[in-house]
């Protein structure tokens, strides 16, 4: 079955060619502007496209994945002025960019999301200045851009169909646009391709004088250089549709490049119904989250519960729901491990119709625009089914394999923190001591041992096959 993805440009789902027809899928995603600690909104964006990349690879595609890094920007310059006062600004800007790109990579690594690997190409804006200058010169030659002093602007009147991605009319956009002081635009909607250097700001040479590129130009240049003039998927947040992605289309088509075929946009993240902002005191970094909750899977389950195109509202209640969902899976895996070990069972290649049907439900959901809520429902249907067949070693062995396979596609680790004060060996010794106390009808000692283990985050469960244990999340 083909994979269908909702295209923000055509406003309908469109299919990718089967792997036999097109083995490689080329994806470009707008990445971070590196001027601050990465927050959970950044994590959602990175995770959404990591899941898409994982699933495409699972289906047999070779995925060429590009996520750009904006390391030249007004916010970075402002941060450099505040964090490295008295230092040369160009060097300070570089330090800020390096510091927060490392923080971004560290956050993704802590969440188990691919970063800085051969599978992820991460071009930096500062490495593409010369090619951006060449791209801008081409736009001027074609008559769709113009120089105004030391600045260069794209002439929006030369962009056929401008507004087709955002669905806005040119008249409406023009009525809401304004010209900032010192701008020499012909039209309020014209946007900067090159900005002349301000005093003491980092700059690069160009035919129009020293300066730096505008924000929009970097994505058109990087994507065409790495992926070619036409590629399969361009991703980013809904907040980037206008003006960023609209302007990317205008300048790329102005250079007679076909650009992206499918535009994939994700919903944004709020905190208790409010936009995340430091001024509101609800700014949650990835580090803050992991310091409090430890488990990346909790954040991932929160994200998976909503379709990628929908907004997600982060609340403590939803994280608790995610914790209960994760525990449900981990409790089952713990039971399965105990049963297979106690029976000395070896995994067979036997297929079970019910398991295959659930796996097919998962695949059908992911084929339909990466519908993770439905895919997650299939996983929990498998959990329920495995619990009903807990004494069938063949069945649960195959259920375990499928559960881990499907969870792996979604990037779930299904692991608990074992860096605890009490070791596995100590736990097992206390369980043996408790079993002996129960055999001797010393229930006071038995209850005391259970309570001691609970205080250290160890949950005991007595069943027909003996006592199992797990670490509490």
Foldseek 3Di string as FASTA:
>chain_A
DWFWAQFLLVRGTDTDDQCVVPQEAEEEEEAEAQQDAAFVQNVLQLLVVLLVVLVSVVSRHQYQYEYEYELDDPSLQVSLCVPPPPDQSVVSSVVSSVVRVVNVCVLCVLLLGDDPDPSYHYHYQVVCFVLLLVLQVLLVVLVQWDDDQLWIWGNVVPQPPQCSSVVDDPVVVQVPFDDDPPDDDPGSPIDTQWDEDDPSHDWDQHPSGTTGGDDQSSSLRVCCVPPNLEGEEYEEAPVCSPPRVSVSNRSSVSSVGPYYDGYHHFYGEAEPPHRADVVVVRTGGSVNVCVVVVFSQLSLQQSLLDQRRYYGYDYPVSSVVSQVLLVLVLVLVQLLVLLCVVVVDDADPDDDPVLVVLLVQLVVCCSHNHNSNSNVVSLVVLSVVCVVVSNPNRSNSVSVVSSCVSVVSSVHPSDDDQPFPDHPVNLVVLQVVLVVCVVVVVVVSNVVSQVVCVVRQKHWDQDPSGITIDGRD
